[in-house]
């Protein structure tokens, strides 16, 4: 497809779908553990990828895999912050952090053959494991950016909500006021990065650091 190796293309698509599946399932599971059954009642505590796929987001995943530019997403997990243990801000911070942690854990599991020296596995299998691990690491790093609706924004508010100081309250209140503009800001950042790669340059060092720590390569 436009010069893209079909096997590699399929590997990327499967890896992304698995990464999103694990990510969203963990959000739902942690929310249920903290007292909010909303997502659980909707069947979102599941590793069935169908329940986590957003039609437009899935289409964008395919387009991004083909062009190498863009962003895909899964169906957001509904959470009622007022039902969460530890309070709305700290509770949502924990739920938000669960997705990236799940992706890094998945990457660590996928990296076991590389860490254990099981390089006698078929090359196609090793290539898929490597792609899937790198996709999970990339998804974790990307989602930790503190721009709504990414998880990093919820984590940041959770940290601010844990600090008993007037400045922390002012910061969290000020950030909440501009939350509605987050998706537009994120889109502009992604589009702008295609021409001035500041965004990707900032992501690259932690991405490579985690890749080395988890994969050892």
C-alpha atoms as a PDB file:
ATOM      1  CA  UNK A   1       0.000   0.000   0.000  1.00  0.00           C
ATOM      2  CA  UNK A   2       1.815   3.093  -1.330  1.00  0.00           C
ATOM      3  CA  UNK A   3       5.095   1.207  -1.031  1.00  0.00           C
ATOM      4  CA  UNK A   4       4.440   0.055   2.552  1.00  0.00           C
ATOM      5  CA  UNK A   5       5.223  -3.581   3.281  1.00  0.00           C
ATOM      6  CA  UNK A   6       1.875  -5.281   3.939  1.00  0.00           C
ATOM      7  CA  UNK A   7       3.232  -7.534   6.691  1.00  0.00           C
ATOM      8  CA  UNK A   8       4.739  -4.571   8.529  1.00  0.00           C
ATOM      9  CA  UNK A   9       1.545  -2.569   7.986  1.00  0.00           C
ATOM     10  CA  UNK A  10      -0.547  -5.382   9.514  1.00  0.00           C
ATOM     11  CA  UNK A  11       1.901  -5.668  12.420  1.00  0.00           C
ATOM     12  CA  UNK A  12       1.627  -1.934  13.145  1.00  0.00           C
ATOM     13  CA  UNK A  13      -2.180  -1.986  13.009  1.00  0.00           C
ATOM     14  CA  UNK A  14      -2.439  -5.004  15.316  1.00  0.00           C
ATOM     15  CA  UNK A  15       0.124  -3.525  17.702  1.00  0.00           C
ATOM     16  CA  UNK A  16      -1.743  -0.212  17.911  1.00  0.00           C
ATOM     17  CA  UNK A  17      -5.105  -1.907  18.457  1.00  0.00           C
ATOM     18  CA  UNK A  18      -3.650  -4.091  21.225  1.00  0.00           C
ATOM     19  CA  UNK A  19      -1.999  -1.068  22.855  1.00  0.00           C
ATOM     20  CA  UNK A  20      -5.246   0.933  22.826  1.00  0.00           C
ATOM     21  CA  UNK A  21      -7.187  -2.097  24.062  1.00  0.00           C
ATOM     22  CA  UNK A  22      -4.911  -2.600  27.080  1.00  0.00           C
ATOM     23  CA  UNK A  23      -4.803   1.140  27.725  1.00  0.00           C
ATOM     24  CA  UNK A  24      -8.577   1.679  27.835  1.00  0.00           C
ATOM     25  CA  UNK A  25      -9.297  -1.570  29.697  1.00  0.00           C
ATOM     26  CA  UNK A  26      -6.915  -0.556  32.467  1.00  0.00           C
ATOM     27  CA  UNK A  27      -8.556   2.877  32.752  1.00  0.00           C
ATOM     28  CA  UNK A  28     -11.923   1.173  33.242  1.00  0.00           C
ATOM     29  CA  UNK A  29     -10.583  -1.436  35.685  1.00  0.00           C
ATOM     30  CA  UNK A  30      -8.830   1.100  37.912  1.00  0.00           C
ATOM     31  CA  UNK A  31     -11.899   3.368  37.921  1.00  0.00           C
ATOM     32  CA  UNK A  32     -13.983   0.395  39.108  1.00  0.00           C
ATOM     33  CA  UNK A  33     -11.424  -0.389  41.820  1.00  0.00           C
ATOM     34  CA  UNK A  34     -11.636   3.203  43.029  1.00  0.00           C
ATOM     35  CA  UNK A  35     -15.418   3.076  43.358  1.00  0.00           C
ATOM     36  CA  UNK A  36     -16.841   4.192  40.004  1.00  0.00           C
ATOM     37  CA  UNK A  37     -18.666   1.316  38.238  1.00  0.00           C
ATOM     38  CA  UNK A  38     -19.715   3.419  35.223  1.00  0.00           C
ATOM     39  CA  UNK A  39     -17.277   1.915  32.741  1.00  0.00           C
ATOM     40  CA  UNK A  40     -17.594  -1.554  34.254  1.00  0.00           C
ATOM     41  CA  UNK A  41     -21.374  -1.480  33.817  1.00  0.00           C
ATOM     42  CA  UNK A  42     -20.856  -0.607  30.157  1.00  0.00           C
ATOM     43  CA  UNK A  43     -18.647  -3.649  29.640  1.00  0.00           C
ATOM     44  CA  UNK A  44     -15.431  -1.641  29.295  1.00  0.00           C
ATOM     45  CA  UNK A  45     -13.438  -3.753  31.763  1.00  0.00           C
ATOM     46  CA  UNK A  46     -12.608  -6.100  28.917  1.00  0.00           C
ATOM     47  CA  UNK A  47      -9.730  -6.977  26.611  1.00  0.00           C
ATOM     48  CA  UNK A  48     -12.180  -7.312  23.725  1.00  0.00           C
ATOM     49  CA  UNK A  49     -10.910  -4.577  21.376  1.00  0.00           C
ATOM     50  CA  UNK A  50     -14.350  -4.058  19.839  1.00  0.00           C
ATOM     51  CA  UNK A  51     -15.708  -2.399  23.002  1.00  0.00           C
ATOM     52  CA  UNK A  52     -12.863   0.126  23.014  1.00  0.00           C
ATOM     53  CA  UNK A  53     -12.762   1.114  19.347  1.00  0.00           C
ATOM     54  CA  UNK A  54     -14.018   4.479  18.167  1.00  0.00           C
ATOM     55  CA  UNK A  55     -15.054   4.397  14.454  1.00  0.00           C
ATOM     56  CA  UNK A  56     -13.329   7.654  13.502  1.00  0.00           C
ATOM     57  CA  UNK A  57     -10.358   6.956  15.756  1.00  0.00           C
ATOM     58  CA  UNK A  58      -9.899   3.524  14.172  1.00  0.00           C
ATOM     59  CA  UNK A  59     -10.010   5.012  10.686  1.00  0.00           C
ATOM     60  CA  UNK A  60      -7.373   7.526  11.738  1.00  0.00           C
ATOM     61  CA  UNK A  61      -5.194   4.679  13.027  1.00  0.00           C
ATOM     62  CA  UNK A  62      -5.184   3.153   9.540  1.00  0.00           C
ATOM     63  CA  UNK A  63      -4.475   6.495   7.863  1.00  0.00           C
ATOM     64  CA  UNK A  64      -1.674   7.230  10.313  1.00  0.00           C
ATOM     65  CA  UNK A  65      -0.098   3.813   9.728  1.00  0.00           C
ATOM     66  CA  UNK A  66      -0.196   4.399   5.956  1.00  0.00           C
ATOM     67  CA  UNK A  67       1.041   7.998   5.874  1.00  0.00           C
ATOM     68  CA  UNK A  68       3.210   8.057   8.991  1.00  0.00           C
ATOM     69  CA  UNK A  69       1.437  11.227  10.113  1.00  0.00           C
ATOM     70  CA  UNK A  70      -1.651  11.767  12.232  1.00  0.00           C
ATOM     71  CA  UNK A  71      -3.222  10.409  15.385  1.00  0.00           C
ATOM     72  CA  UNK A  72      -5.625   7.584  16.223  1.00  0.00           C
ATOM     73  CA  UNK A  73      -7.597   6.983  19.375  1.00  0.00           C
ATOM     74  CA  UNK A  74      -9.889   4.606  21.195  1.00  0.00           C
ATOM     75  CA  UNK A  75     -13.318   5.244  22.688  1.00  0.00           C
ATOM     76  CA  UNK A  76     -12.889   7.346  25.857  1.00  0.00           C
ATOM     77  CA  UNK A  77     -13.653   5.527  29.099  1.00  0.00           C
ATOM     78  CA  UNK A  78     -16.545   7.243  30.944  1.00  0.00           C
ATOM     79  CA  UNK A  79     -15.625   8.067  34.537  1.00  0.00           C
ATOM     80  CA  UNK A  80     -17.595   9.893  37.221  1.00  0.00           C
ATOM     81  CA  UNK A  81     -14.872  11.671  39.258  1.00  0.00           C
ATOM     82  CA  UNK A  82     -17.246  12.291  42.159  1.00  0.00           C
ATOM     83  CA  UNK A  83     -17.486   8.554  42.856  1.00  0.00           C
ATOM     84  CA  UNK A  84     -13.760   7.977  42.948  1.00  0.00           C
ATOM     85  CA  UNK A  85     -11.923   7.262  46.157  1.00  0.00           C
ATOM     86  CA  UNK A  86      -9.383   9.937  47.209  1.00  0.00           C
ATOM     87  CA  UNK A  87     -11.476  12.707  45.645  1.00  0.00           C
ATOM     88  CA  UNK A  88     -12.194  13.808  42.072  1.00  0.00           C
ATOM     89  CA  UNK A  89      -8.773  15.245  41.223  1.00  0.00           C
ATOM     90  CA  UNK A  90      -6.550  12.648  42.861  1.00  0.00           C
ATOM     91  CA  UNK A  91      -8.884   9.838  41.825  1.00  0.00           C
ATOM     92  CA  UNK A  92      -8.846  10.943  38.193  1.00  0.00           C
ATOM     93  CA  UNK A  93      -5.072  11.333  38.408  1.00  0.00           C
ATOM     94  CA  UNK A  94      -4.749   7.672  39.354  1.00  0.00           C
ATOM     95  CA  UNK A  95      -7.214   6.551  36.664  1.00  0.00           C
ATOM     96  CA  UNK A  96      -5.385   8.653  34.065  1.00  0.00           C
ATOM     97  CA  UNK A  97      -1.999   7.240  35.043  1.00  0.00           C
ATOM     98  CA  UNK A  98      -3.300   3.669  34.775  1.00  0.00           C
ATOM     99  CA  UNK A  99      -3.393   3.732  30.959  1.00  0.00           C
ATOM    100  CA  UNK A 100       0.264   4.679  30.364  1.00  0.00           C
ATOM    101  CA  UNK A 101       1.399   2.315  33.141  1.00  0.00           C
ATOM    102  CA  UNK A 102      -0.537  -0.517  31.452  1.00  0.00           C
ATOM    103  CA  UNK A 103       1.210   0.224  28.151  1.00  0.00           C
ATOM    104  CA  UNK A 104       4.659   0.246  29.730  1.00  0.00           C
ATOM    105  CA  UNK A 105       3.857  -3.014  31.523  1.00  0.00           C
ATOM    106  CA  UNK A 106       2.716  -4.538  28.231  1.00  0.00           C
ATOM    107  CA  UNK A 107       5.940  -3.381  26.584  1.00  0.00           C
ATOM    108  CA  UNK A 108       7.955  -5.026  29.383  1.00  0.00           C
ATOM    109  CA  UNK A 109       6.112  -8.329  28.853  1.00  0.00           C
ATOM    110  CA  UNK A 110       6.669  -8.155  25.099  1.00  0.00           C
ATOM    111  CA  UNK A 111      10.358  -7.475  25.720  1.00  0.00           C
ATOM    112  CA  UNK A 112      10.910 -10.725  27.659  1.00  0.00           C
ATOM    113  CA  UNK A 113      12.223 -12.654  24.608  1.00  0.00           C
ATOM    114  CA  UNK A 114      14.798  -9.909  23.972  1.00  0.00           C
ATOM    115  CA  UNK A 115      15.809  -9.717  27.629  1.00  0.00           C
ATOM    116  CA  UNK A 116      15.964 -13.522  27.910  1.00  0.00           C
ATOM    117  CA  UNK A 117      18.000 -13.849  24.745  1.00  0.00           C
ATOM    118  CA  UNK A 118      15.344 -15.905  22.967  1.00  0.00           C
ATOM    119  CA  UNK A 119      16.454 -14.617  19.589  1.00  0.00           C
ATOM    120  CA  UNK A 120      16.001 -18.066  18.051  1.00  0.00           C
ATOM    121  CA  UNK A 121      12.336 -17.246  17.558  1.00  0.00           C
ATOM    122  CA  UNK A 122      11.255 -16.653  13.942  1.00  0.00           C
ATOM    123  CA  UNK A 123      12.269 -13.261  12.625  1.00  0.00           C
ATOM    124  CA  UNK A 124       8.665 -12.281  11.901  1.00  0.00           C
ATOM    125  CA  UNK A 125       7.706 -12.990  15.517  1.00  0.00           C
ATOM    126  CA  UNK A 126      10.618 -10.963  16.895  1.00  0.00           C
ATOM    127  CA  UNK A 127       9.808  -8.092  14.552  1.00  0.00           C
ATOM    128  CA  UNK A 128       6.170  -8.035  15.679  1.00  0.00           C
ATOM    129  CA  UNK A 129       7.163  -8.151  19.368  1.00  0.00           C
ATOM    130  CA  UNK A 130       9.583  -5.281  18.802  1.00  0.00           C
ATOM    131  CA  UNK A 131       6.998  -3.203  16.922  1.00  0.00           C
ATOM    132  CA  UNK A 132       4.317  -3.890  19.539  1.00  0.00           C
ATOM    133  CA  UNK A 133       6.652  -3.003  22.413  1.00  0.00           C
ATOM    134  CA  UNK A 134       7.739   0.252  20.740  1.00  0.00           C
ATOM    135  CA  UNK A 135       4.127   1.173  19.967  1.00  0.00           C
ATOM    136  CA  UNK A 136       3.162   0.670  23.620  1.00  0.00           C
ATOM    137  CA  UNK A 137       6.093   2.779  24.787  1.00  0.00           C
ATOM    138  CA  UNK A 138       5.203   5.499  22.300  1.00  0.00           C
ATOM    139  CA  UNK A 139       1.541   5.493  23.325  1.00  0.00           C
ATOM    140  CA  UNK A 140       2.509   5.790  26.997  1.00  0.00           C
ATOM    141  CA  UNK A 141       4.867   8.723  26.378  1.00  0.00           C
ATOM    142  CA  UNK A 142       2.393  10.503  24.110  1.00  0.00           C
ATOM    143  CA  UNK A 143      -0.477  10.136  26.574  1.00  0.00           C
ATOM    144  CA  UNK A 144       1.571  11.574  29.429  1.00  0.00           C
ATOM    145  CA  UNK A 145       1.735  14.949  27.684  1.00  0.00           C
ATOM    146  CA  UNK A 146      -0.250  17.318  29.953  1.00  0.00           C
ATOM    147  CA  UNK A 147      -2.688  18.549  27.296  1.00  0.00           C
ATOM    148  CA  UNK A 148      -6.374  17.566  27.543  1.00  0.00           C
ATOM    149  CA  UNK A 149      -7.790  15.113  26.619  1.00  0.00           C
ATOM    150  CA  UNK A 150      -4.521  13.189  27.106  1.00  0.00           C
ATOM    151  CA  UNK A 151      -3.867  11.325  30.341  1.00  0.00           C
ATOM    152  CA  UNK A 152      -1.011  13.604  31.308  1.00  0.00           C
ATOM    153  CA  UNK A 153      -3.530  16.370  31.943  1.00  0.00           C
ATOM    154  CA  UNK A 154      -5.442  14.222  34.430  1.00  0.00           C
ATOM    155  CA  UNK A 155      -2.181  13.173  36.085  1.00  0.00           C
ATOM    156  CA  UNK A 156      -1.116  16.817  36.414  1.00  0.00           C
ATOM    157  CA  UNK A 157      -4.444  17.794  37.996  1.00  0.00           C
ATOM    158  CA  UNK A 158      -4.127  14.811  40.323  1.00  0.00           C
ATOM    159  CA  UNK A 159      -0.702  15.973  41.464  1.00  0.00           C
ATOM    160  CA  UNK A 160      -1.960  19.536  41.986  1.00  0.00           C
ATOM    161  CA  UNK A 161      -4.980  18.177  43.891  1.00  0.00           C
ATOM    162  CA  UNK A 162      -2.622  16.365  46.258  1.00  0.00           C
ATOM    163  CA  UNK A 163      -0.769  19.547  47.162  1.00  0.00           C
ATOM    164  CA  UNK A 164      -2.337  21.494  50.027  1.00  0.00           C
ATOM    165  CA  UNK A 165      -1.284  24.953  48.945  1.00  0.00           C
ATOM    166  CA  UNK A 166      -3.136  27.982  47.535  1.00  0.00           C
ATOM    167  CA  UNK A 167      -0.954  28.097  44.424  1.00  0.00           C
ATOM    168  CA  UNK A 168      -1.794  24.478  43.571  1.00  0.00           C
ATOM    169  CA  UNK A 169      -5.505  25.228  43.832  1.00  0.00           C
ATOM    170  CA  UNK A 170      -5.111  28.292  41.599  1.00  0.00           C
ATOM    171  CA  UNK A 171      -3.190  26.277  39.017  1.00  0.00           C
ATOM    172  CA  UNK A 172      -5.731  23.451  38.931  1.00  0.00           C
ATOM    173  CA  UNK A 173      -8.616  25.905  38.699  1.00  0.00           C
ATOM    174  CA  UNK A 174      -6.881  27.867  35.928  1.00  0.00           C
ATOM    175  CA  UNK A 175      -6.101  24.717  33.932  1.00  0.00           C
ATOM    176  CA  UNK A 176      -9.704  23.518  34.240  1.00  0.00           C
ATOM    177  CA  UNK A 177     -10.930  26.771  32.705  1.00  0.00           C
ATOM    178  CA  UNK A 178      -9.009  26.083  29.495  1.00  0.00           C
ATOM    179  CA  UNK A 179      -9.735  22.349  29.320  1.00  0.00           C
ATOM    180  CA  UNK A 180     -12.280  22.813  26.528  1.00  0.00           C
ATOM    181  CA  UNK A 181      -9.551  24.174  24.255  1.00  0.00           C
ATOM    182  CA  UNK A 182      -7.276  21.182  24.824  1.00  0.00           C
ATOM    183  CA  UNK A 183      -8.224  19.125  21.735  1.00  0.00           C
ATOM    184  CA  UNK A 184      -7.736  22.138  19.461  1.00  0.00           C
ATOM    185  CA  UNK A 185      -4.349  22.916  21.045  1.00  0.00           C
ATOM    186  CA  UNK A 186      -3.281  19.283  20.696  1.00  0.00           C
ATOM    187  CA  UNK A 187      -4.300  19.201  17.026  1.00  0.00           C
ATOM    188  CA  UNK A 188      -2.373  22.414  16.309  1.00  0.00           C
ATOM    189  CA  UNK A 189       0.689  21.034  18.088  1.00  0.00           C
ATOM    190  CA  UNK A 190       0.593  17.829  16.020  1.00  0.00           C
ATOM    191  CA  UNK A 191       0.100  19.679  12.726  1.00  0.00           C
ATOM    192  CA  UNK A 192       2.750  22.245  13.593  1.00  0.00           C
ATOM    193  CA  UNK A 193       5.235  19.535  14.505  1.00  0.00           C
ATOM    194  CA  UNK A 194       5.198  18.321  10.918  1.00  0.00           C
ATOM    195  CA  UNK A 195       6.883  21.580   9.925  1.00  0.00           C
ATOM    196  CA  UNK A 196       8.791  22.487  13.098  1.00  0.00           C
ATOM    197  CA  UNK A 197       9.485  19.224  14.968  1.00  0.00           C
ATOM    198  CA  UNK A 198       9.750  20.690  18.468  1.00  0.00           C
ATOM    199  CA  UNK A 199       7.065  18.383  19.836  1.00  0.00           C
ATOM    200  CA  UNK A 200       8.636  15.170  18.517  1.00  0.00           C
ATOM    201  CA  UNK A 201      12.083  16.354  19.592  1.00  0.00           C
ATOM    202  CA  UNK A 202      10.873  16.636  23.181  1.00  0.00           C
ATOM    203  CA  UNK A 203       9.259  13.197  23.048  1.00  0.00           C
ATOM    204  CA  UNK A 204      12.216  11.428  21.468  1.00  0.00           C
ATOM    205  CA  UNK A 205      14.659  11.385  24.456  1.00  0.00           C
ATOM    206  CA  UNK A 206      12.223   9.803  26.985  1.00  0.00           C
ATOM    207  CA  UNK A 207      10.989   7.452  24.263  1.00  0.00           C
ATOM    208  CA  UNK A 208      14.490   6.175  23.534  1.00  0.00           C
ATOM    209  CA  UNK A 209      15.377   6.040  27.232  1.00  0.00           C
ATOM    210  CA  UNK A 210      12.387   3.826  28.004  1.00  0.00           C
ATOM    211  CA  UNK A 211      13.050   1.710  24.923  1.00  0.00           C
ATOM    212  CA  UNK A 212      16.587   1.053  26.149  1.00  0.00           C
ATOM    213  CA  UNK A 213      15.470   0.360  29.716  1.00  0.00           C
ATOM    214  CA  UNK A 214      12.626  -1.966  28.733  1.00  0.00           C
ATOM    215  CA  UNK A 215      13.990  -3.653  25.617  1.00  0.00           C
ATOM    216  CA  UNK A 216      17.680  -3.400  26.304  1.00  0.00           C
ATOM    217  CA  UNK A 217      18.317  -2.517  22.657  1.00  0.00           C
END
